C-alpha atoms as a PDB file:
ATOM      1  CA  MET A   1     109.895  16.971  58.036  1.00  0.00           C
ATOM      2  CA  GLU A   2     107.344  16.783  60.835  1.00  0.00           C
ATOM      3  CA  LEU A   3     104.032  15.415  60.000  1.00  0.00           C
ATOM      4  CA  ARG A   4     102.086  18.526  60.730  1.00  0.00           C
ATOM      5  CA  ASP A   5     104.355  20.549  57.934  1.00  0.00           C
ATOM      6  CA  PHE A   6     104.124  17.704  55.697  1.00  0.00           C
ATOM      7  CA  ILE A   7     100.106  18.001  55.772  1.00  0.00           C
ATOM      8  CA  GLN A   8     100.091  21.693  55.635  1.00  0.00           C
ATOM      9  CA  THR A   9     102.262  22.054  52.663  1.00  0.00           C
ATOM     10  CA  SER A  10     100.845  19.088  50.750  1.00  0.00           C
ATOM     11  CA  THR A  11      97.215  20.507  51.417  1.00  0.00           C
ATOM     12  CA  GLN A  12      98.077  23.884  50.481  1.00  0.00           C
ATOM     13  CA  GLU A  13      99.926  22.867  47.134  1.00  0.00           C
ATOM     14  CA  ILE A  14      97.028  20.536  46.186  1.00  0.00           C
ATOM     15  CA  LEU A  15      94.504  23.339  46.536  1.00  0.00           C
ATOM     16  CA  GLU A  16      96.762  25.861  44.743  1.00  0.00           C
ATOM     17  CA  GLY A  17      96.799  23.269  41.916  1.00  0.00           C
ATOM     18  CA  VAL A  18      93.075  22.923  41.785  1.00  0.00           C
ATOM     19  CA  ARG A  19      92.461  26.679  41.966  1.00  0.00           C
ATOM     20  CA  ALA A  20      94.995  27.037  39.059  1.00  0.00           C
ATOM     21  CA  ALA A  21      93.174  24.416  37.004  1.00  0.00           C
ATOM     22  CA  GLU A  22      89.832  26.176  37.955  1.00  0.00           C
ATOM     23  CA  ASN A  23      91.319  29.290  36.375  1.00  0.00           C
ATOM     24  CA  GLU A  24      91.827  27.343  33.099  1.00  0.00           C
ATOM     25  CA  ASP A  25      88.491  25.282  33.166  1.00  0.00           C
ATOM     26  CA  SER A  26      85.466  26.415  34.629  1.00  0.00           C
ATOM     27  CA  ALA A  27      84.358  22.627  35.226  1.00  0.00           C
ATOM     28  CA  VAL A  28      87.240  22.085  37.746  1.00  0.00           C
ATOM     29  CA  ALA A  29      85.654  22.749  41.224  1.00  0.00           C
ATOM     30  CA  PRO A  30      82.907  25.106  40.294  1.00  0.00           C
ATOM     31  CA  ALA A  31      81.608  27.329  42.972  1.00  0.00           C
ATOM     32  CA  SER A  32      78.024  27.488  41.435  1.00  0.00           C
ATOM     33  CA  ILE A  33      76.151  26.094  38.351  1.00  0.00           C
ATOM     34  CA  GLU A  34      73.266  28.062  37.055  1.00  0.00           C
ATOM     35  CA  GLY A  35      73.631  30.652  39.771  1.00  0.00           C
ATOM     36  CA  LYS A  36      73.252  28.059  42.589  1.00  0.00           C
ATOM     37  CA  SER A  37      76.227  27.905  45.071  1.00  0.00           C
ATOM     38  CA  ILE A  38      77.939  24.538  45.413  1.00  0.00           C
ATOM     39  CA  TRP A  39      79.906  23.731  48.444  1.00  0.00           C
ATOM     40  CA  THR A  40      81.276  20.244  48.185  1.00  0.00           C
ATOM     41  CA  GLU A  41      83.416  18.739  50.673  1.00  0.00           C
ATOM     42  CA  ARG A  42      86.128  16.234  49.301  1.00  0.00           C
ATOM     43  CA  PRO A  43      88.745  14.456  51.176  1.00  0.00           C
ATOM     44  CA  ILE A  44      92.381  14.624  50.622  1.00  0.00           C
ATOM     45  CA  SER A  45      93.696  11.264  51.549  1.00  0.00           C
ATOM     46  CA  PHE A  46      97.386  10.699  53.065  1.00  0.00           C
ATOM     47  CA  GLU A  47      99.347   7.657  53.522  1.00  0.00           C
ATOM     48  CA  ALA A  48     102.758   8.266  55.062  1.00  0.00           C
ATOM     49  CA  ASP A  49     105.445   6.328  56.834  1.00  0.00           C
ATOM     50  CA  VAL A  50     106.252   8.044  60.110  1.00  0.00           C
ATOM     51  CA  THR A  51     108.979   7.685  62.740  1.00  0.00           C
ATOM     52  CA  THR A  52     109.104   9.069  66.234  1.00  0.00           C
ATOM     53  CA  ASP A  53     111.678  11.699  66.977  1.00  0.00           C
ATOM     54  CA  ALA A  54     112.325  13.072  70.432  1.00  0.00           C
ATOM     55  CA  SER A  55     113.587  16.276  68.813  1.00  0.00           C
ATOM     56  CA  ALA A  56     110.338  16.992  66.983  1.00  0.00           C
ATOM     57  CA  LYS A  57     107.700  19.032  68.774  1.00  0.00           C
ATOM     58  CA  SER A  58     104.886  16.633  67.394  1.00  0.00           C
ATOM     59  CA  GLY A  59     106.920  13.647  68.140  1.00  0.00           C
ATOM     60  CA  LEU A  60     106.142  12.357  64.580  1.00  0.00           C
ATOM     61  CA  ARG A  61     108.104  12.793  61.594  1.00  0.00           C
ATOM     62  CA  VAL A  62     107.574  11.819  57.911  1.00  0.00           C
ATOM     63  CA  MET A  63     110.160   9.135  57.057  1.00  0.00           C
ATOM     64  CA  GLN A  64     112.530  10.459  54.458  1.00  0.00           C
ATOM     65  CA  ILE A  65     115.036   8.208  52.459  1.00  0.00           C
ATOM     66  CA  ALA A  66     118.689   9.510  53.045  1.00  0.00           C
ATOM     67  CA  GLU A  67     121.977   8.203  51.865  1.00  0.00           C
ATOM     68  CA  ALA A  68     125.168   9.296  53.599  1.00  0.00           C
ATOM     69  CA  GLY A  69     128.316   7.745  52.332  1.00  0.00           C
ATOM     70  CA  GLY A  70     126.609   5.190  50.255  1.00  0.00           C
ATOM     71  CA  GLU A  71     124.826   3.612  53.275  1.00  0.00           C
ATOM     72  CA  VAL A  72     121.065   3.835  53.710  1.00  0.00           C
ATOM     73  CA  GLU A  73     120.043   4.408  57.442  1.00  0.00           C
ATOM     74  CA  ARG A  74     117.512   1.747  58.667  1.00  0.00           C
ATOM     75  CA  THR A  75     114.764   3.380  60.771  1.00  0.00           C
ATOM     76  CA  LYS A  76     111.704   1.564  61.984  1.00  0.00           C
ATOM     77  CA  ALA A  77     108.546   3.443  60.603  1.00  0.00           C
ATOM     78  CA  ASN A  78     104.734   2.968  61.175  1.00  0.00           C
ATOM     79  CA  ARG A  79     102.441   3.583  58.413  1.00  0.00           C
ATOM     80  CA  ILE A  80      99.408   6.028  58.914  1.00  0.00           C
ATOM     81  CA  SER A  81      96.550   6.590  56.681  1.00  0.00           C
ATOM     82  CA  PHE A  82      94.132   9.444  57.037  1.00  0.00           C
ATOM     83  CA  SER A  83      91.899  12.028  54.986  1.00  0.00           C
ATOM     84  CA  VAL A  84      91.399  15.639  55.565  1.00  0.00           C
ATOM     85  CA  PRO A  85      88.146  17.015  54.416  1.00  0.00           C
ATOM     86  CA  VAL A  86      88.488  20.138  52.376  1.00  0.00           C
ATOM     87  CA  HIS A  87      86.106  22.439  50.356  1.00  0.00           C
ATOM     88  CA  VAL A  88      88.005  23.018  47.244  1.00  0.00           C
ATOM     89  CA  ASN A  89      85.703  25.672  45.904  1.00  0.00           C
ATOM     90  CA  VAL A  90      85.878  27.957  49.153  1.00  0.00           C
ATOM     91  CA  ARG A  91      88.045  30.789  48.831  1.00  0.00           C
ATOM     92  CA  SER A  92      89.904  32.458  51.851  1.00  0.00           C
ATOM     93  CA  GLY A  93      87.610  34.579  53.815  1.00  0.00           C
ATOM     94  CA  LYS A  94      84.468  32.659  52.843  1.00  0.00           C
ATOM     95  CA  GLU A  95      82.941  30.084  54.970  1.00  0.00           C
ATOM     96  CA  ALA A  96      81.105  27.108  53.598  1.00  0.00           C
ATOM     97  CA  PRO A  97      77.554  26.852  54.784  1.00  0.00           C
ATOM     98  CA  HIS A  98      76.987  24.642  57.815  1.00  0.00           C
ATOM     99  CA  ALA A  99      74.939  21.448  57.046  1.00  0.00           C
END
């Protein structure tokens, strides 16, 4: 899986989970409290082992453990850590105010 796909899928699924929880409990990522809008930026932190792959468009792929015929392929990987800022209480089509 390319790193970009991993980030996109993971971020979308995390936000979908937060929004589903918000539908069950208004204390989860509220958009407003007492009529006052809240625009809170939170980071989603990632840590992934990546390998380079000439066939990948980005050149980076998330390392996956795969077994073939009882043997594990050994590949050199680099670990990267990074965060993606998100506004969990912003819905599609709405923009967070600029600070």
